[in-house]
Amino acid sequence: MWRILIVDDEANNRKLLVEILGERATCEQAQDGREALEIYQAAVAHDRPFDAILLDVAMPDMDGIEVLRRIRELEEARGIMFGKGIPIIMVTAFKQPFMASFREGADDYILKPVDPDQLLQKLASKLEARPA
């Protein structure tokens, strides 16, 4: 079973992602970027890292690209090379931020409204490709 962090400022979007993942994943949720970073850091500190993060791009205060950048900085500080960290899939209603998110280390993206089959396929491909 996967362990997934879902980050989105809209409760309905988080609920939908949890429903899509169903019995395939244990999900934790964050409603903003700051909470996401706190949950991520606590998981790492307690040696219970997430298998992947689904990260909304457009959020108030700290957007998803900034959260992504900070997670990659935290990984680098722990000696994790760029491209070898936790898979992060950006979830967005806009096509604009793709290049910025890939520059900051996003592994993939999915457009809203989320296609359940596409999301599960992307997650499976990212998680099955990782070394155990």
Protein backbone atom coordinates (compact mmCIF):
# COMPACT_ATOMS: atom_id res chain seq x y z
CA MET A 1 0.00 0.00 0.00
CA TRP A 2 1.32 3.43 -0.95
CA ARG A 3 1.72 6.27 1.52
CA ILE A 4 0.74 9.53 -0.20
CA LEU A 5 0.72 13.17 0.92
CA ILE A 6 -2.05 15.15 -0.79
CA VAL A 7 -1.61 18.93 -0.77
CA ASP A 8 -4.45 21.16 -1.98
CA ASP A 9 -6.16 24.21 -0.50
CA GLU A 10 -9.56 22.95 -1.69
CA ALA A 11 -11.08 20.27 0.59
CA ASN A 12 -13.19 18.84 -2.26
CA ASN A 13 -10.07 18.31 -4.39
CA ARG A 14 -8.31 16.51 -1.52
CA LYS A 15 -11.38 14.34 -0.94
CA LEU A 16 -11.56 13.41 -4.63
CA LEU A 17 -7.89 12.37 -4.68
CA VAL A 18 -8.37 10.25 -1.55
CA GLU A 19 -11.38 8.57 -3.20
CA ILE A 20 -9.42 7.90 -6.41
CA LEU A 21 -6.58 6.32 -4.47
CA GLY A 22 -9.06 4.24 -2.50
CA GLU A 23 -7.59 1.07 -1.06
CA ARG A 24 -4.30 1.51 -2.92
CA ALA A 25 -2.97 4.16 -0.54
CA THR A 26 -2.92 5.55 2.92
CA CYS A 27 -3.29 9.30 2.48
CA GLU A 28 -2.41 12.26 4.65
CA GLN A 29 -3.68 15.69 3.69
CA ALA A 30 -2.37 19.23 3.93
CA GLN A 31 -4.48 22.29 3.15
CA ASP A 32 -1.56 24.61 2.38
CA GLY A 33 2.14 24.69 1.65
CA ARG A 34 3.29 25.35 5.19
CA GLU A 35 1.30 22.45 6.58
CA ALA A 36 2.64 20.23 3.79
CA LEU A 37 6.23 21.04 4.72
CA GLU A 38 5.53 20.36 8.41
CA ILE A 39 3.92 16.99 7.64
CA TYR A 40 6.70 16.07 5.21
CA GLN A 41 9.46 16.94 7.69
CA ALA A 42 7.73 15.09 10.55
CA ALA A 43 7.36 11.99 8.37
CA VAL A 44 11.06 12.04 7.50
CA ALA A 45 12.07 12.70 11.12
CA HIS A 46 10.01 9.72 12.32
CA ASP A 47 11.39 7.50 9.53
CA ARG A 48 7.93 7.19 7.95
CA PRO A 49 8.50 8.90 4.62
CA PHE A 50 5.82 9.22 2.00
CA ASP A 51 6.03 7.23 -1.22
CA ALA A 52 4.81 10.21 -3.26
CA ILE A 53 3.29 13.68 -3.02
CA LEU A 54 0.36 15.03 -5.04
CA LEU A 55 0.91 18.79 -4.96
CA ASP A 56 -1.51 21.49 -6.12
CA VAL A 57 0.22 24.36 -7.90
CA ALA A 58 -2.13 27.28 -7.15
CA MET A 59 -2.42 27.80 -3.40
CA PRO A 60 -2.48 30.98 -1.32
CA ASP A 61 0.55 32.12 0.72
CA MET A 62 2.97 29.45 -0.52
CA ASP A 63 2.27 27.97 -3.94
CA GLY A 64 3.06 24.43 -4.96
CA ILE A 65 6.20 25.36 -6.87
CA GLU A 66 7.67 26.94 -3.73
CA VAL A 67 6.74 23.84 -1.69
CA LEU A 68 8.39 21.68 -4.35
CA ARG A 69 11.55 23.81 -4.26
CA ARG A 70 11.76 23.59 -0.47
CA ILE A 71 11.25 19.83 -0.41
CA ARG A 72 14.03 19.40 -2.97
CA GLU A 73 16.29 21.66 -0.84
CA LEU A 74 15.54 19.53 2.24
CA GLU A 75 16.38 16.40 0.27
CA GLU A 76 19.63 17.92 -0.95
CA ALA A 77 20.57 18.78 2.65
CA ARG A 78 20.07 15.08 3.49
CA GLY A 79 22.35 14.03 0.62
CA ILE A 80 19.61 12.99 -1.80
CA MET A 81 20.68 13.82 -5.34
CA PHE A 82 18.43 15.86 -7.62
CA GLY A 83 16.15 13.45 -9.47
CA LYS A 84 16.43 10.76 -6.79
CA GLY A 85 13.99 12.19 -4.24
CA ILE A 86 10.38 11.49 -3.46
CA PRO A 87 8.17 11.44 -6.58
CA ILE A 88 6.15 14.66 -6.70
CA ILE A 89 3.27 14.97 -9.14
CA MET A 90 1.96 18.48 -9.63
CA VAL A 91 -1.83 18.79 -9.85
CA THR A 92 -3.03 21.87 -11.70
CA ALA A 93 -5.87 23.39 -13.67
CA PHE A 94 -3.37 25.43 -15.70
CA LYS A 95 -0.83 24.42 -18.33
CA GLN A 96 1.45 27.39 -17.57
CA PRO A 97 3.52 26.21 -14.59
CA PHE A 98 4.86 23.00 -16.13
CA MET A 99 8.30 24.30 -17.07
CA ALA A 100 8.84 26.02 -13.72
CA SER A 101 7.75 22.93 -11.82
CA PHE A 102 10.05 20.66 -13.84
CA ARG A 103 12.99 23.05 -13.28
CA GLU A 104 12.35 22.77 -9.55
CA GLY A 105 12.26 18.98 -9.67
CA ALA A 106 8.68 17.86 -10.33
CA ASP A 107 8.45 14.30 -11.58
CA ASP A 108 5.19 14.68 -13.47
CA TYR A 109 1.94 16.65 -13.62
CA ILE A 110 -1.73 15.97 -14.04
CA LEU A 111 -4.41 18.41 -15.12
CA LYS A 112 -7.65 19.09 -13.27
CA PRO A 113 -10.23 17.71 -13.51
CA VAL A 114 -8.17 14.68 -12.57
CA ASP A 115 -8.64 11.56 -14.67
CA PRO A 116 -8.56 8.68 -12.14
CA ASP A 117 -6.97 6.16 -14.51
CA GLN A 118 -4.30 8.62 -15.60
CA LEU A 119 -3.44 9.51 -11.99
CA LEU A 120 -3.16 5.86 -10.93
CA GLN A 121 -1.05 5.07 -14.00
CA LYS A 122 1.33 7.97 -13.31
CA LEU A 123 1.69 7.05 -9.64
CA ALA A 124 2.26 3.38 -10.42
CA SER A 125 4.91 4.16 -13.02
CA LYS A 126 6.78 6.49 -10.63
CA LEU A 127 6.59 4.14 -7.66
CA GLU A 128 7.38 0.93 -9.51
CA ALA A 129 10.44 2.56 -11.10
CA ARG A 130 11.96 3.41 -7.70
CA PRO A 131 14.54 1.14 -6.14
CA ALA A 132 13.31 -0.69 -3.04
